[in-house]
PDB file of N, CA and C in Angstrom:
ATOM      1  N   MET A   1     150.282-270.422 -12.979  1.00  0.00           N
ATOM      2  CA  MET A   1     150.811-270.985 -11.756  1.00  0.00           C
ATOM      3  C   MET A   1     149.683-271.542 -10.900  1.00  0.00           C
ATOM      4  N   ALA A   2     150.049-272.428 -10.016  1.00  0.00           N
ATOM      5  CA  ALA A   2     149.051-273.014  -9.111  1.00  0.00           C
ATOM      6  C   ALA A   2     148.568-271.962  -8.132  1.00  0.00           C
ATOM      7  N   GLY A   3     147.428-272.215  -7.531  1.00  0.00           N
ATOM      8  CA  GLY A   3     146.915-271.301  -6.511  1.00  0.00           C
ATOM      9  C   GLY A   3     146.629-269.929  -7.069  1.00  0.00           C
ATOM     10  N   SER A   4     145.726-269.833  -7.980  1.00  0.00           N
ATOM     11  CA  SER A   4     145.480-268.590  -8.711  1.00  0.00           C
ATOM     12  C   SER A   4     145.198-267.399  -7.799  1.00  0.00           C
ATOM     13  N   GLY A   5     144.814-267.632  -6.548  1.00  0.00           N
ATOM     14  CA  GLY A   5     144.553-266.536  -5.638  1.00  0.00           C
ATOM     15  C   GLY A   5     145.817-265.950  -5.030  1.00  0.00           C
ATOM     16  N   ASN A   6     146.953-266.632  -5.207  1.00  0.00           N
ATOM     17  CA  ASN A   6     148.210-266.169  -4.638  1.00  0.00           C
ATOM     18  C   ASN A   6     148.986-265.334  -5.639  1.00  0.00           C
ATOM     19  N   ASP A   7     149.756-264.391  -5.120  1.00  0.00           N
ATOM     20  CA  ASP A   7     150.663-263.575  -5.906  1.00  0.00           C
ATOM     21  C   ASP A   7     152.028-264.252  -5.799  1.00  0.00           C
ATOM     22  N   TRP A   8     152.445-264.960  -6.847  1.00  0.00           N
ATOM     23  CA  TRP A   8     153.659-265.773  -6.810  1.00  0.00           C
ATOM     24  C   TRP A   8     154.899-264.976  -7.193  1.00  0.00           C
ATOM     25  N   VAL A   9     156.020-265.294  -6.542  1.00  0.00           N
ATOM     26  CA  VAL A   9     157.309-264.702  -6.859  1.00  0.00           C
ATOM     27  C   VAL A   9     158.357-265.817  -6.908  1.00  0.00           C
ATOM     28  N   THR A  10     159.485-265.537  -7.572  1.00  0.00           N
ATOM     29  CA  THR A  10     160.594-266.484  -7.655  1.00  0.00           C
ATOM     30  C   THR A  10     161.724-266.022  -6.746  1.00  0.00           C
ATOM     31  N   VAL A  11     162.156-266.911  -5.863  1.00  0.00           N
ATOM     32  CA  VAL A  11     163.283-266.636  -4.968  1.00  0.00           C
ATOM     33  C   VAL A  11     164.425-267.547  -5.396  1.00  0.00           C
ATOM     34  N   GLY A  12     165.568-266.956  -5.705  1.00  0.00           N
ATOM     35  CA  GLY A  12     166.731-267.721  -6.138  1.00  0.00           C
ATOM     36  C   GLY A  12     167.830-267.729  -5.107  1.00  0.00           C
ATOM     37  N   GLU A  13     168.927-268.400  -5.459  1.00  0.00           N
ATOM     38  CA  GLU A  13     170.106-268.463  -4.597  1.00  0.00           C
ATOM     39  C   GLU A  13     169.796-269.068  -3.237  1.00  0.00           C
ATOM     40  N   LEU A  14     169.033-270.155  -3.249  1.00  0.00           N
ATOM     41  CA  LEU A  14     168.738-270.900  -2.024  1.00  0.00           C
ATOM     42  C   LEU A  14     169.414-272.257  -2.087  1.00  0.00           C
ATOM     43  N   VAL A  15     169.803-272.773  -0.926  1.00  0.00           N
ATOM     44  CA  VAL A  15     170.426-274.089  -0.828  1.00  0.00           C
ATOM     45  C   VAL A  15     169.479-275.010  -0.061  1.00  0.00           C
ATOM     46  N   LEU A  16     169.219-276.191  -0.626  1.00  0.00           N
ATOM     47  CA  LEU A  16     168.395-277.194   0.054  1.00  0.00           C
ATOM     48  C   LEU A  16     169.252-277.865   1.119  1.00  0.00           C
ATOM     49  N   ILE A  17     168.822-277.762   2.391  1.00  0.00           N
ATOM     50  CA  ILE A  17     169.629-278.337   3.470  1.00  0.00           C
ATOM     51  C   ILE A  17     168.950-279.484   4.202  1.00  0.00           C
ATOM     52  N   ARG A  18     167.628-279.548   4.144  1.00  0.00           N
ATOM     53  CA  ARG A  18     166.917-280.671   4.775  1.00  0.00           C
ATOM     54  C   ARG A  18     165.508-280.756   4.233  1.00  0.00           C
ATOM     55  N   GLU A  19     164.858-281.860   4.525  1.00  0.00           N
ATOM     56  CA  GLU A  19     163.487-282.057   4.054  1.00  0.00           C
ATOM     57  C   GLU A  19     162.730-282.927   5.039  1.00  0.00           C
ATOM     58  N   THR A  20     161.470-282.562   5.272  1.00  0.00           N
ATOM     59  CA  THR A  20     160.572-283.403   6.049  1.00  0.00           C
ATOM     60  C   THR A  20     159.397-283.744   5.138  1.00  0.00           C
ATOM     61  N   GLU A  21     158.448-284.467   5.658  1.00  0.00           N
ATOM     62  CA  GLU A  21     157.271-284.826   4.872  1.00  0.00           C
ATOM     63  C   GLU A  21     156.496-283.590   4.421  1.00  0.00           C
ATOM     64  N   LYS A  22     156.528-282.524   5.231  1.00  0.00           N
ATOM     65  CA  LYS A  22     155.695-281.347   4.950  1.00  0.00           C
ATOM     66  C   LYS A  22     156.440-280.075   4.577  1.00  0.00           C
ATOM     67  N   ALA A  23     157.786-280.083   4.651  1.00  0.00           N
ATOM     68  CA  ALA A  23     158.506-278.836   4.381  1.00  0.00           C
ATOM     69  C   ALA A  23     159.927-279.090   3.882  1.00  0.00           C
ATOM     70  N   TRP A  24     160.462-278.066   3.199  1.00  0.00           N
ATOM     71  CA  TRP A  24     161.865-278.059   2.793  1.00  0.00           C
ATOM     72  C   TRP A  24     162.589-277.054   3.671  1.00  0.00           C
ATOM     73  N   GLY A  25     163.743-277.446   4.199  1.00  0.00           N
ATOM     74  CA  GLY A  25     164.602-276.526   4.936  1.00  0.00           C
ATOM     75  C   GLY A  25     165.623-275.969   3.963  1.00  0.00           C
ATOM     76  N   VAL A  26     165.684-274.652   3.863  1.00  0.00           N
ATOM     77  CA  VAL A  26     166.599-274.015   2.918  1.00  0.00           C
ATOM     78  C   VAL A  26     167.426-272.953   3.623  1.00  0.00           C
ATOM     79  N   SER A  27     168.517-272.571   2.977  1.00  0.00           N
ATOM     80  CA  SER A  27     169.411-271.540   3.482  1.00  0.00           C
ATOM     81  C   SER A  27     169.675-270.554   2.352  1.00  0.00           C
ATOM     82  N   VAL A  28     169.824-269.286   2.705  1.00  0.00           N
ATOM     83  CA  VAL A  28     170.146-268.258   1.718  1.00  0.00           C
ATOM     84  C   VAL A  28     171.634-268.347   1.404  1.00  0.00           C
ATOM     85  N   VAL A  29     171.992-268.363   0.112  1.00  0.00           N
ATOM     86  CA  VAL A  29     173.390-268.479  -0.295  1.00  0.00           C
ATOM     87  C   VAL A  29     174.192-267.266   0.157  1.00  0.00           C
ATOM     88  N   ALA A  30     173.696-266.074  -0.130  1.00  0.00           N
ATOM     89  CA  ALA A  30     174.418-264.852   0.226  1.00  0.00           C
ATOM     90  C   ALA A  30     174.402-264.663   1.737  1.00  0.00           C
ATOM     91  N   GLU A  31     175.533-264.295   2.294  1.00  0.00           N
ATOM     92  CA  GLU A  31     175.590-264.036   3.734  1.00  0.00           C
ATOM     93  C   GLU A  31     174.892-262.722   4.034  1.00  0.00           C
ATOM     94  N   MET A  32     174.097-262.728   5.072  1.00  0.00           N
ATOM     95  CA  MET A  32     173.402-261.520   5.494  1.00  0.00           C
ATOM     96  C   MET A  32     173.874-261.180   6.898  1.00  0.00           C
ATOM     97  N   ALA A  33     174.570-260.059   7.039  1.00  0.00           N
ATOM     98  CA  ALA A  33     175.081-259.601   8.341  1.00  0.00           C
ATOM     99  C   ALA A  33     175.977-260.655   8.989  1.00  0.00           C
ATOM    100  N   GLY A  34     176.696-261.414   8.152  1.00  0.00           N
ATOM    101  CA  GLY A  34     177.662-262.371   8.660  1.00  0.00           C
ATOM    102  C   GLY A  34     177.083-263.621   9.290  1.00  0.00           C
ATOM    103  N   LYS A  35     175.780-263.860   9.112  1.00  0.00           N
ATOM    104  CA  LYS A  35     175.203-265.070   9.696  1.00  0.00           C
ATOM    105  C   LYS A  35     174.432-265.846   8.634  1.00  0.00           C
ATOM    106  N   GLU A  36     174.348-267.135   8.819  1.00  0.00           N
ATOM    107  CA  GLU A  36     173.607-267.983   7.891  1.00  0.00           C
ATOM    108  C   GLU A  36     172.114-267.836   8.167  1.00  0.00           C
ATOM    109  N   VAL A  37     171.348-267.668   7.121  1.00  0.00           N
ATOM    110  CA  VAL A  37     169.905-267.502   7.252  1.00  0.00           C
ATOM    111  C   VAL A  37     169.223-268.784   6.781  1.00  0.00           C
ATOM    112  N   GLN A  38     168.552-269.464   7.701  1.00  0.00           N
ATOM    113  CA  GLN A  38     167.844-270.704   7.381  1.00  0.00           C
ATOM    114  C   GLN A  38     166.379-270.560   7.741  1.00  0.00           C
ATOM    115  N   PHE A  39     165.531-271.243   6.975  1.00  0.00           N
ATOM    116  CA  PHE A  39     164.103-271.219   7.275  1.00  0.00           C
ATOM    117  C   PHE A  39     163.441-272.396   6.589  1.00  0.00           C
ATOM    118  N   TRP A  40     162.194-272.638   6.969  1.00  0.00           N
ATOM    119  CA  TRP A  40     161.400-273.723   6.408  1.00  0.00           C
ATOM    120  C   TRP A  40     160.404-273.171   5.384  1.00  0.00           C
ATOM    121  N   LEU A  41     160.234-273.902   4.297  1.00  0.00           N
ATOM    122  CA  LEU A  41     159.208-273.587   3.307  1.00  0.00           C
ATOM    123  C   LEU A  41     158.193-274.723   3.312  1.00  0.00           C
ATOM    124  N   PRO A  42     156.969-274.459   3.740  1.00  0.00           N
ATOM    125  CA  PRO A  42     155.943-275.510   3.708  1.00  0.00           C
ATOM    126  C   PRO A  42     155.714-275.973   2.264  1.00  0.00           C
ATOM    127  N   LYS A  43     155.723-277.261   2.050  1.00  0.00           N
ATOM    128  CA  LYS A  43     155.524-277.787   0.691  1.00  0.00           C
ATOM    129  C   LYS A  43     154.198-277.331   0.106  1.00  0.00           C
ATOM    130  N   SER A  44     153.206-277.098   0.960  1.00  0.00           N
ATOM    131  CA  SER A  44     151.898-276.651   0.489  1.00  0.00           C
ATOM    132  C   SER A  44     151.950-275.234  -0.080  1.00  0.00           C
ATOM    133  N   GLN A  45     153.041-274.495   0.206  1.00  0.00           N
ATOM    134  CA  GLN A  45     153.167-273.114  -0.262  1.00  0.00           C
ATOM    135  C   GLN A  45     154.214-272.958  -1.370  1.00  0.00           C
ATOM    136  N   VAL A  46     154.742-274.070  -1.871  1.00  0.00           N
ATOM    137  CA  VAL A  46     155.761-274.020  -2.922  1.00  0.00           C
ATOM    138  C   VAL A  46     155.159-274.517  -4.228  1.00  0.00           C
ATOM    139  N   ASP A  47     155.179-273.654  -5.241  1.00  0.00           N
ATOM    140  CA  ASP A  47     154.639-274.017  -6.548  1.00  0.00           C
ATOM    141  C   ASP A  47     155.685-274.755  -7.380  1.00  0.00           C
ATOM    142  N   ARG A  48     156.970-274.358  -7.231  1.00  0.00           N
ATOM    143  CA  ARG A  48     158.060-274.966  -8.000  1.00  0.00           C
ATOM    144  C   ARG A  48     159.329-274.883  -7.177  1.00  0.00           C
ATOM    145  N   ILE A  49     160.120-275.965  -7.202  1.00  0.00           N
ATOM    146  CA  ILE A  49     161.426-275.988  -6.551  1.00  0.00           C
ATOM    147  C   ILE A  49     162.391-276.663  -7.512  1.00  0.00           C
ATOM    148  N   THR A  50     163.567-276.065  -7.722  1.00  0.00           N
ATOM    149  CA  THR A  50     164.504-276.624  -8.697  1.00  0.00           C
ATOM    150  C   THR A  50     165.574-277.506  -8.057  1.00  0.00           C
ATOM    151  N   MET A  51     165.721-277.454  -6.732  1.00  0.00           N
ATOM    152  CA  MET A  51     166.742-278.264  -6.077  1.00  0.00           C
ATOM    153  C   MET A  51     166.223-279.690  -5.889  1.00  0.00           C
ATOM    154  N   THR A  52     167.055-280.670  -6.244  1.00  0.00           N
ATOM    155  CA  THR A  52     166.656-282.066  -6.111  1.00  0.00           C
ATOM    156  C   THR A  52     167.553-282.850  -5.154  1.00  0.00           C
ATOM    157  N   ALA A  53     168.651-282.235  -4.694  1.00  0.00           N
ATOM    158  CA  ALA A  53     169.576-282.911  -3.788  1.00  0.00           C
ATOM    159  C   ALA A  53     170.043-281.937  -2.714  1.00  0.00           C
ATOM    160  N   PHE A  54     170.361-282.452  -1.545  1.00  0.00           N
ATOM    161  CA  PHE A  54     170.850-281.614  -0.459  1.00  0.00           C
ATOM    162  C   PHE A  54     172.159-280.944  -0.881  1.00  0.00           C
ATOM    163  N   GLY A  55     172.291-279.670  -0.561  1.00  0.00           N
ATOM    164  CA  GLY A  55     173.476-278.907  -0.926  1.00  0.00           C
ATOM    165  C   GLY A  55     173.374-278.241  -2.284  1.00  0.00           C
ATOM    166  N   GLU A  56     172.331-278.559  -3.035  1.00  0.00           N
ATOM    167  CA  GLU A  56     172.149-277.980  -4.363  1.00  0.00           C
ATOM    168  C   GLU A  56     171.563-276.574  -4.245  1.00  0.00           C
ATOM    169  N   VAL A  57     172.055-275.671  -5.092  1.00  0.00           N
ATOM    170  CA  VAL A  57     171.559-274.285  -5.133  1.00  0.00           C
ATOM    171  C   VAL A  57     170.518-274.181  -6.232  1.00  0.00           C
ATOM    172  N   GLY A  58     169.430-273.481  -5.941  1.00  0.00           N
ATOM    173  CA  GLY A  58     168.388-273.321  -6.947  1.00  0.00           C
ATOM    174  C   GLY A  58     167.416-272.239  -6.568  1.00  0.00           C
ATOM    175  N   GLU A  59     166.196-272.379  -7.086  1.00  0.00           N
ATOM    176  CA  GLU A  59     165.170-271.371  -6.829  1.00  0.00           C
ATOM    177  C   GLU A  59     163.828-272.021  -6.564  1.00  0.00           C
ATOM    178  N   VAL A  60     162.942-271.219  -5.968  1.00  0.00           N
ATOM    179  CA  VAL A  60     161.591-271.679  -5.662  1.00  0.00           C
ATOM    180  C   VAL A  60     160.591-270.602  -6.065  1.00  0.00           C
ATOM    181  N   ASP A  61     159.386-271.036  -6.378  1.00  0.00           N
ATOM    182  CA  ASP A  61     158.271-270.114  -6.587  1.00  0.00           C
ATOM    183  C   ASP A  61     157.359-270.262  -5.380  1.00  0.00           C
ATOM    184  N   ILE A  62     157.169-269.154  -4.664  1.00  0.00           N
ATOM    185  CA  ILE A  62     156.359-269.140  -3.444  1.00  0.00           C
ATOM    186  C   ILE A  62     155.479-267.888  -3.444  1.00  0.00           C
ATOM    187  N   PRO A  63     154.456-267.855  -2.593  1.00  0.00           N
ATOM    188  CA  PRO A  63     153.639-266.645  -2.495  1.00  0.00           C
ATOM    189  C   PRO A  63     154.470-265.452  -2.009  1.00  0.00           C
ATOM    190  N   ARG A  64     154.150-264.270  -2.512  1.00  0.00           N
ATOM    191  CA  ARG A  64     154.868-263.045  -2.133  1.00  0.00           C
ATOM    192  C   ARG A  64     154.883-262.863  -0.613  1.00  0.00           C
ATOM    193  N   TRP A  65     153.756-263.149   0.070  1.00  0.00           N
ATOM    194  CA  TRP A  65     153.696-262.927   1.522  1.00  0.00           C
ATOM    195  C   TRP A  65     154.729-263.772   2.252  1.00  0.00           C
ATOM    196  N   LEU A  66     154.999-264.999   1.739  1.00  0.00           N
ATOM    197  CA  LEU A  66     155.964-265.883   2.385  1.00  0.00           C
ATOM    198  C   LEU A  66     157.389-265.372   2.167  1.00  0.00           C
ATOM    199  N   ALA A  67     157.666-264.871   0.974  1.00  0.00           N
ATOM    200  CA  ALA A  67     158.984-264.287   0.698  1.00  0.00           C
ATOM    201  C   ALA A  67     159.221-263.074   1.588  1.00  0.00           C
ATOM    202  N   GLU A  68     158.199-262.227   1.705  1.00  0.00           N
ATOM    203  CA  GLU A  68     158.341-261.025   2.530  1.00  0.00           C
ATOM    204  C   GLU A  68     158.455-261.367   4.007  1.00  0.00           C
ATOM    205  N   LYS A  69     157.730-262.386   4.453  1.00  0.00           N
ATOM    206  CA  LYS A  69     157.800-262.818   5.852  1.00  0.00           C
ATOM    207  C   LYS A  69     159.220-263.243   6.226  1.00  0.00           C
ATOM    208  N   ASN A  70     159.931-263.861   5.268  1.00  0.00           N
ATOM    209  CA  ASN A  70     161.289-264.340   5.510  1.00  0.00           C
ATOM    210  C   ASN A  70     162.364-263.359   5.023  1.00  0.00           C
ATOM    211  N   ASN A  71     161.936-262.127   4.651  1.00  0.00           N
ATOM    212  CA  ASN A  71     162.869-261.092   4.190  1.00  0.00           C
ATOM    213  C   ASN A  71     163.735-261.545   3.024  1.00  0.00           C
ATOM    214  N   LEU A  72     163.113-262.221   2.058  1.00  0.00           N
ATOM    215  CA  LEU A  72     163.833-262.749   0.912  1.00  0.00           C
ATOM    216  C   LEU A  72     163.738-261.806  -0.281  1.00  0.00           C
ATOM    217  N   GLU A  73     164.830-261.709  -1.029  1.00  0.00           N
ATOM    218  CA  GLU A  73     164.792-260.968  -2.285  1.00  0.00           C
ATOM    219  C   GLU A  73     164.151-261.872  -3.315  1.00  0.00           C
ATOM    220  N   TYR A  74     163.356-261.282  -4.201  1.00  0.00           N
ATOM    221  CA  TYR A  74     162.649-262.109  -5.181  1.00  0.00           C
ATOM    222  C   TYR A  74     162.418-261.372  -6.485  1.00  0.00           C
ATOM    223  N   GLU A  75     162.109-262.180  -7.515  1.00  0.00           N
ATOM    224  CA  GLU A  75     161.712-261.663  -8.817  1.00  0.00           C
ATOM    225  C   GLU A  75     160.197-261.763  -8.873  1.00  0.00           C
ATOM    226  N   ASP A  76     159.561-260.710  -9.321  1.00  0.00           N
ATOM    227  CA  ASP A  76     158.106-260.688  -9.409  1.00  0.00           C
ATOM    228  C   ASP A  76     157.672-261.445 -10.654  1.00  0.00           C
ATOM    229  N   ASP A  77     156.898-262.516 -10.454  1.00  0.00           N
ATOM    230  CA  ASP A  77     156.424-263.313 -11.590  1.00  0.00           C
ATOM    231  C   ASP A  77     155.154-262.741 -12.200  1.00  0.00           C
ATOM    232  N   GLY A  78     154.559-261.769 -11.508  1.00  0.00           N
ATOM    233  CA  GLY A  78     153.283-261.220 -11.975  1.00  0.00           C
ATOM    234  C   GLY A  78     153.491-260.312 -13.128  1.00  0.00           C
TER     235      GLY A  78
END
């Protein structure tokens, strides 16, 4: 994986909702406490993203610290 100094994990069940030049806006598919959870993923911190269109569900590979910062469930790629 890119960024050999990072501990990468895979986060699934995300929906692509918006995009800027520097980040992807995503939402968690599963409802958490009855509210929609949205956050930004800086493109510089994403190793792989499977969503190619808005509204598409997929997964991303991001550093473990970023997944934990956003309270995301993930699969350990290590």
